[in-house]
Amino acid sequence: MTYRYPNARKSKFVTEPFGRPVKPSTINRELAILRAMFNVAQRGVLVLKGGAPAQNPVASRLAFTKEHNERDVVLSPDELDRLLAVAPEWLQPIIMVAYDSGMRRGEIAQLQWSQIDMKAHVVKLAASDTKTDEKRLVPLTERLTQLLSATPRHVSGDVFVTRNERPYNPSKISAAFKKACGKTGLTGVTYHDLRHSFCTNMRRAGEDTLTTMAISGHRSIGVFKRYNTIAPQDLQKAIRQLDTYMDTDTAHGSSSMQ
């Protein structure tokens, strides 16, 4: 039954509810819920009219659809500048914080001045503020420190607010970002790619993986790898560094080919 479910789900509900194809991740979340329901029923927690099921048809991971959720979109500094030039004024600092800190959309939308230590140049997120329920420190770049220093403070204590002094709805942030991308001709770019760009830029800057994960809040190396794009120029840079190392090593009298 469950092996047929993914294909049936794709074909029958391809336009529901938003008129776009159903993603493998959506199907997998639904299957996970079904599996949990069968597990509860098997334990007798729920009294079913037909009795407890003899087996869980969603127990096998084979029923799940392979997810292709890797992305390779990294915004260059030039593309960032183009985006900022057409983005609404209220959205510009939000884009900058996402690009330079890797913070999640919800974390930025709900950001409070009480979370920011301007003297230490760091954002202090409590476990209750994060998706992973783990507290973390997010250091500020110099330009973010300058940006926040120039940002007016509001009575509500929120950093980014609407004219009504309320935090921006995360969905509105994504919609405005998508519209700005359209104006610049940046296709296939999502708001989440700002976080992706941060992780890739950290690696290109020479920072190690564990430190970047501590800042971005990734708990799994597998998930983090999806946020880290290695472009052809990165490979060329790596081999040039090897050339430099080998030339230096040879100059210091190490063995070389005769």
Protein backbone atom coordinates (compact mmCIF):
# COMPACT_ATOMS: atom_id res chain seq x y z
CA MET A 1 0.00 0.00 0.00
CA THR A 2 2.62 2.51 1.04
CA TYR A 3 4.80 1.77 -1.97
CA ARG A 4 1.95 2.98 -4.20
CA TYR A 5 1.19 6.00 -2.03
CA PRO A 6 3.89 8.39 -3.33
CA ASN A 7 2.85 8.02 -6.98
CA ALA A 8 -0.85 8.22 -6.11
CA ARG A 9 -0.18 11.32 -4.02
CA LYS A 10 1.71 13.01 -6.82
CA SER A 11 -0.89 12.28 -9.51
CA LYS A 12 -4.08 12.81 -7.53
CA PHE A 13 -3.16 15.88 -5.55
CA VAL A 14 -0.63 17.50 -7.83
CA THR A 15 -2.57 20.79 -7.79
CA GLU A 16 -3.59 20.76 -4.15
CA PRO A 17 -3.62 22.95 -2.23
CA PHE A 18 -1.41 25.56 -3.88
CA GLY A 19 -1.52 24.55 -7.53
CA ARG A 20 2.05 23.24 -7.70
CA PRO A 21 3.65 19.76 -7.68
CA VAL A 22 3.88 17.99 -4.35
CA LYS A 23 7.47 17.75 -3.14
CA PRO A 24 9.01 14.43 -2.01
CA SER A 25 9.64 16.00 1.40
CA THR A 26 5.90 16.69 1.78
CA ILE A 27 5.03 13.09 0.94
CA ASN A 28 7.65 11.83 3.39
CA ARG A 29 6.23 13.99 6.19
CA GLU A 30 2.78 12.57 5.50
CA LEU A 31 4.13 9.01 5.52
CA ALA A 32 5.91 9.73 8.80
CA ILE A 33 2.61 10.82 10.34
CA LEU A 34 0.90 7.68 9.04
CA ARG A 35 3.68 5.52 10.48
CA ALA A 36 3.30 7.18 13.87
CA MET A 37 -0.46 6.65 13.77
CA PHE A 38 -0.04 2.93 13.05
CA ASN A 39 2.54 2.65 15.86
CA VAL A 40 0.06 4.19 18.31
CA ALA A 41 -2.70 1.87 17.09
CA GLN A 42 -0.48 -1.22 17.43
CA ARG A 43 0.30 -0.34 21.04
CA GLY A 44 -3.42 -0.21 21.79
CA VAL A 45 -3.33 3.43 22.84
CA LEU A 46 -6.30 4.01 20.56
CA VAL A 47 -9.24 1.63 20.56
CA LEU A 48 -10.07 0.86 16.93
CA LYS A 49 -13.32 -0.68 15.73
CA GLY A 50 -11.48 -3.32 13.74
CA GLY A 51 -8.95 -4.01 16.45
CA ALA A 52 -5.24 -3.25 16.57
CA PRO A 53 -3.45 -3.65 13.21
CA ALA A 54 -1.21 -6.73 12.94
CA GLN A 55 1.56 -4.78 11.24
CA ASN A 56 2.62 -1.27 10.33
CA PRO A 57 2.57 -0.90 6.53
CA VAL A 58 4.68 2.27 6.79
CA ALA A 59 7.38 0.74 9.00
CA SER A 60 9.89 0.32 6.17
CA ARG A 61 11.94 3.29 5.00
CA LEU A 62 11.58 1.83 1.49
CA ALA A 63 8.14 3.40 1.37
CA PHE A 64 9.64 6.86 1.55
CA THR A 65 10.55 8.95 -1.49
CA LYS A 66 14.12 10.08 -2.05
CA GLU A 67 14.40 13.79 -1.38
CA HIS A 68 16.43 15.93 -3.77
CA ASN A 69 16.65 19.09 -1.66
CA GLU A 70 20.23 20.11 -2.31
CA ARG A 71 20.62 23.63 -3.64
CA ASP A 72 23.57 25.24 -5.37
CA VAL A 73 22.43 28.89 -5.38
CA VAL A 74 24.95 31.24 -3.81
CA LEU A 75 24.43 34.98 -4.17
CA SER A 76 27.59 36.84 -5.15
CA PRO A 77 28.35 40.27 -3.64
CA ASP A 78 27.35 41.84 -6.96
CA GLU A 79 24.00 40.00 -6.99
CA LEU A 80 23.44 41.02 -3.38
CA ASP A 81 24.02 44.67 -4.26
CA ARG A 82 21.61 44.44 -7.20
CA LEU A 83 19.00 42.90 -4.94
CA LEU A 84 19.40 45.53 -2.25
CA ALA A 85 19.07 48.28 -4.87
CA VAL A 86 15.50 47.23 -5.74
CA ALA A 87 14.29 45.75 -2.44
CA PRO A 88 11.90 47.78 -0.27
CA GLU A 89 13.70 49.85 2.34
CA TRP A 90 12.28 47.79 5.21
CA LEU A 91 13.52 44.55 3.62
CA GLN A 92 17.11 45.65 2.97
CA PRO A 93 18.42 45.23 6.55
CA ILE A 94 16.65 41.88 6.88
CA ILE A 95 18.41 40.65 3.73
CA MET A 96 21.74 41.87 5.05
CA VAL A 97 21.32 40.13 8.41
CA ALA A 98 20.40 36.85 6.68
CA TYR A 99 23.33 37.07 4.25
CA ASP A 100 25.94 38.00 6.87
CA SER A 101 24.76 35.87 9.80
CA GLY A 102 23.03 32.79 8.39
CA MET A 103 20.16 33.24 10.83
CA ARG A 104 16.84 31.66 9.92
CA ARG A 105 13.93 33.76 8.65
CA GLY A 106 11.88 33.28 11.82
CA GLU A 107 14.83 34.14 14.04
CA ILE A 108 15.32 37.42 12.20
CA ALA A 109 11.61 38.28 12.05
CA GLN A 110 11.33 37.83 15.84
CA LEU A 111 14.69 39.42 16.67
CA GLN A 112 14.66 41.55 19.82
CA TRP A 113 17.10 44.23 20.92
CA SER A 114 17.45 42.36 24.20
CA GLN A 115 19.06 39.52 22.23
CA ILE A 116 21.77 41.74 20.76
CA ASP A 117 24.94 42.59 22.65
CA MET A 118 26.35 45.49 20.66
CA LYS A 119 29.50 45.72 22.79
CA ALA A 120 30.32 42.06 22.22
CA HIS A 121 29.12 42.19 18.58
CA VAL A 122 26.96 39.11 19.00
CA VAL A 123 23.33 37.95 18.90
CA LYS A 124 22.41 35.67 21.80
CA LEU A 125 19.66 33.23 20.87
CA ALA A 126 18.03 31.22 23.66
CA ALA A 127 16.92 27.63 23.07
CA SER A 128 13.32 28.85 22.80
CA ASP A 129 14.33 31.21 19.96
CA THR A 130 15.71 28.53 17.64
CA LYS A 131 14.28 25.81 15.43
CA THR A 132 16.55 23.18 17.00
CA ASP A 133 15.73 24.19 20.60
CA GLU A 134 19.41 24.84 21.24
CA LYS A 135 20.83 28.17 22.29
CA ARG A 136 23.61 29.68 20.20
CA LEU A 137 25.73 32.76 19.67
CA VAL A 138 25.72 34.50 16.31
CA PRO A 139 28.65 36.91 15.86
CA LEU A 140 28.05 40.11 13.91
CA THR A 141 30.15 41.22 10.96
CA GLU A 142 31.42 44.77 11.02
CA ARG A 143 28.81 45.94 8.52
CA LEU A 144 26.00 44.31 10.52
CA THR A 145 27.24 46.06 13.65
CA GLN A 146 27.14 49.37 11.78
CA LEU A 147 23.72 48.60 10.30
CA LEU A 148 22.17 47.73 13.67
CA SER A 149 23.81 50.72 15.35
CA ALA A 150 22.00 52.96 12.86
CA THR A 151 18.66 51.15 13.21
CA PRO A 152 16.02 53.06 15.25
CA ARG A 153 14.78 51.34 18.39
CA HIS A 154 11.08 50.83 18.97
CA VAL A 155 9.00 50.63 22.12
CA SER A 156 8.05 47.02 21.34
CA GLY A 157 11.66 45.94 21.59
CA ASP A 158 11.53 44.29 18.16
CA VAL A 159 14.38 45.11 15.79
CA PHE A 160 12.43 44.97 12.53
CA VAL A 161 8.84 46.24 12.68
CA THR A 162 6.03 47.37 10.40
CA ARG A 163 4.47 50.83 10.51
CA ASN A 164 2.15 49.42 13.17
CA GLU A 165 5.13 48.54 15.37
CA ARG A 166 4.65 44.80 14.87
CA PRO A 167 7.18 42.19 13.66
CA TYR A 168 7.07 41.34 9.96
CA ASN A 169 5.28 38.15 9.00
CA PRO A 170 7.87 35.64 7.70
CA SER A 171 5.67 34.90 4.67
CA LYS A 172 5.61 38.60 3.78
CA ILE A 173 9.41 38.67 3.96
CA SER A 174 9.70 35.78 1.51
CA ALA A 175 7.10 37.27 -0.84
CA ALA A 176 8.84 40.66 -0.91
CA PHE A 177 12.20 38.95 -1.47
CA LYS A 178 10.81 36.96 -4.40
CA LYS A 179 9.42 40.14 -5.95
CA ALA A 180 12.78 41.89 -5.60
CA CYS A 181 14.53 38.94 -7.26
CA GLY A 182 12.11 39.23 -10.16
CA LYS A 183 13.02 42.88 -10.64
CA THR A 184 16.73 42.05 -10.86
CA GLY A 185 16.28 39.04 -13.11
CA LEU A 186 17.55 36.60 -10.47
CA THR A 187 15.66 33.40 -11.27
CA GLY A 188 15.42 30.32 -9.08
CA VAL A 189 16.53 32.24 -5.99
CA THR A 190 14.67 31.91 -2.68
CA TYR A 191 15.00 33.77 0.59
CA HIS A 192 16.50 30.64 2.15
CA ASP A 193 19.41 30.93 -0.28
CA LEU A 194 20.70 33.82 1.83
CA ARG A 195 21.41 31.32 4.61
CA HIS A 196 22.90 28.97 2.03
CA SER A 197 25.16 31.78 0.80
CA PHE A 198 26.37 32.49 4.34
CA CYS A 199 27.46 28.88 4.89
CA THR A 200 29.30 28.75 1.56
CA ASN A 201 30.95 32.13 2.12
CA MET A 202 32.18 31.00 5.54
CA ARG A 203 33.92 28.02 3.94
CA ARG A 204 35.40 30.18 1.21
CA ALA A 205 36.70 32.51 3.91
CA GLY A 206 38.60 29.57 5.38
CA GLU A 207 36.40 28.88 8.42
CA ASP A 208 36.09 25.29 9.59
CA THR A 209 32.85 23.32 9.34
CA LEU A 210 32.12 22.91 13.06
CA THR A 211 32.46 26.63 13.76
CA THR A 212 30.15 27.51 10.87
CA MET A 213 27.61 24.92 12.05
CA ALA A 214 27.74 26.42 15.56
CA ILE A 215 26.88 29.85 14.12
CA SER A 216 24.21 28.70 11.65
CA GLY A 217 22.61 26.26 14.07
CA HIS A 218 22.95 23.12 11.96
CA ARG A 219 23.01 20.00 14.12
CA SER A 220 23.62 17.46 11.36
CA ILE A 221 26.60 17.43 9.00
CA GLY A 222 24.34 15.82 6.41
CA VAL A 223 21.95 18.78 6.44
CA PHE A 224 24.82 21.25 6.57
CA LYS A 225 26.35 19.78 3.40
CA ARG A 226 23.21 20.78 1.51
CA TYR A 227 23.95 24.40 2.44
CA ASN A 228 27.54 24.34 1.29
CA THR A 229 28.09 24.72 -2.44
CA ILE A 230 31.46 23.89 -3.93
CA ALA A 231 31.76 25.66 -7.26
CA PRO A 232 34.36 24.94 -9.98
CA GLN A 233 36.31 28.05 -8.96
CA ASP A 234 36.54 26.66 -5.41
CA LEU A 235 38.19 23.51 -6.77
CA GLN A 236 40.61 25.58 -8.84
CA LYS A 237 41.48 27.67 -5.80
CA ALA A 238 42.15 24.51 -3.81
CA ILE A 239 44.54 23.12 -6.42
CA ARG A 240 46.34 26.47 -6.69
CA GLN A 241 46.86 26.34 -2.92
CA LEU A 242 48.35 22.86 -3.37
CA ASP A 243 50.65 24.26 -6.08
CA THR A 244 51.80 26.97 -3.67
CA TYR A 245 52.38 24.45 -0.89
CA MET A 246 54.34 22.11 -3.15
CA ASP A 247 56.48 24.97 -4.52
CA THR A 248 57.24 26.17 -0.98
CA ASP A 249 58.00 22.65 0.21
CA THR A 250 60.39 22.08 -2.69
CA ALA A 251 62.12 25.41 -2.07
CA HIS A 252 62.87 24.28 1.49
CA GLY A 253 64.75 21.21 0.26
CA SER A 254 62.07 18.52 0.34
CA SER A 255 62.24 15.66 -2.14
CA SER A 256 61.19 16.36 -5.71
CA MET A 257 60.91 14.37 -8.93
CA GLN A 258 64.20 13.94 -10.72
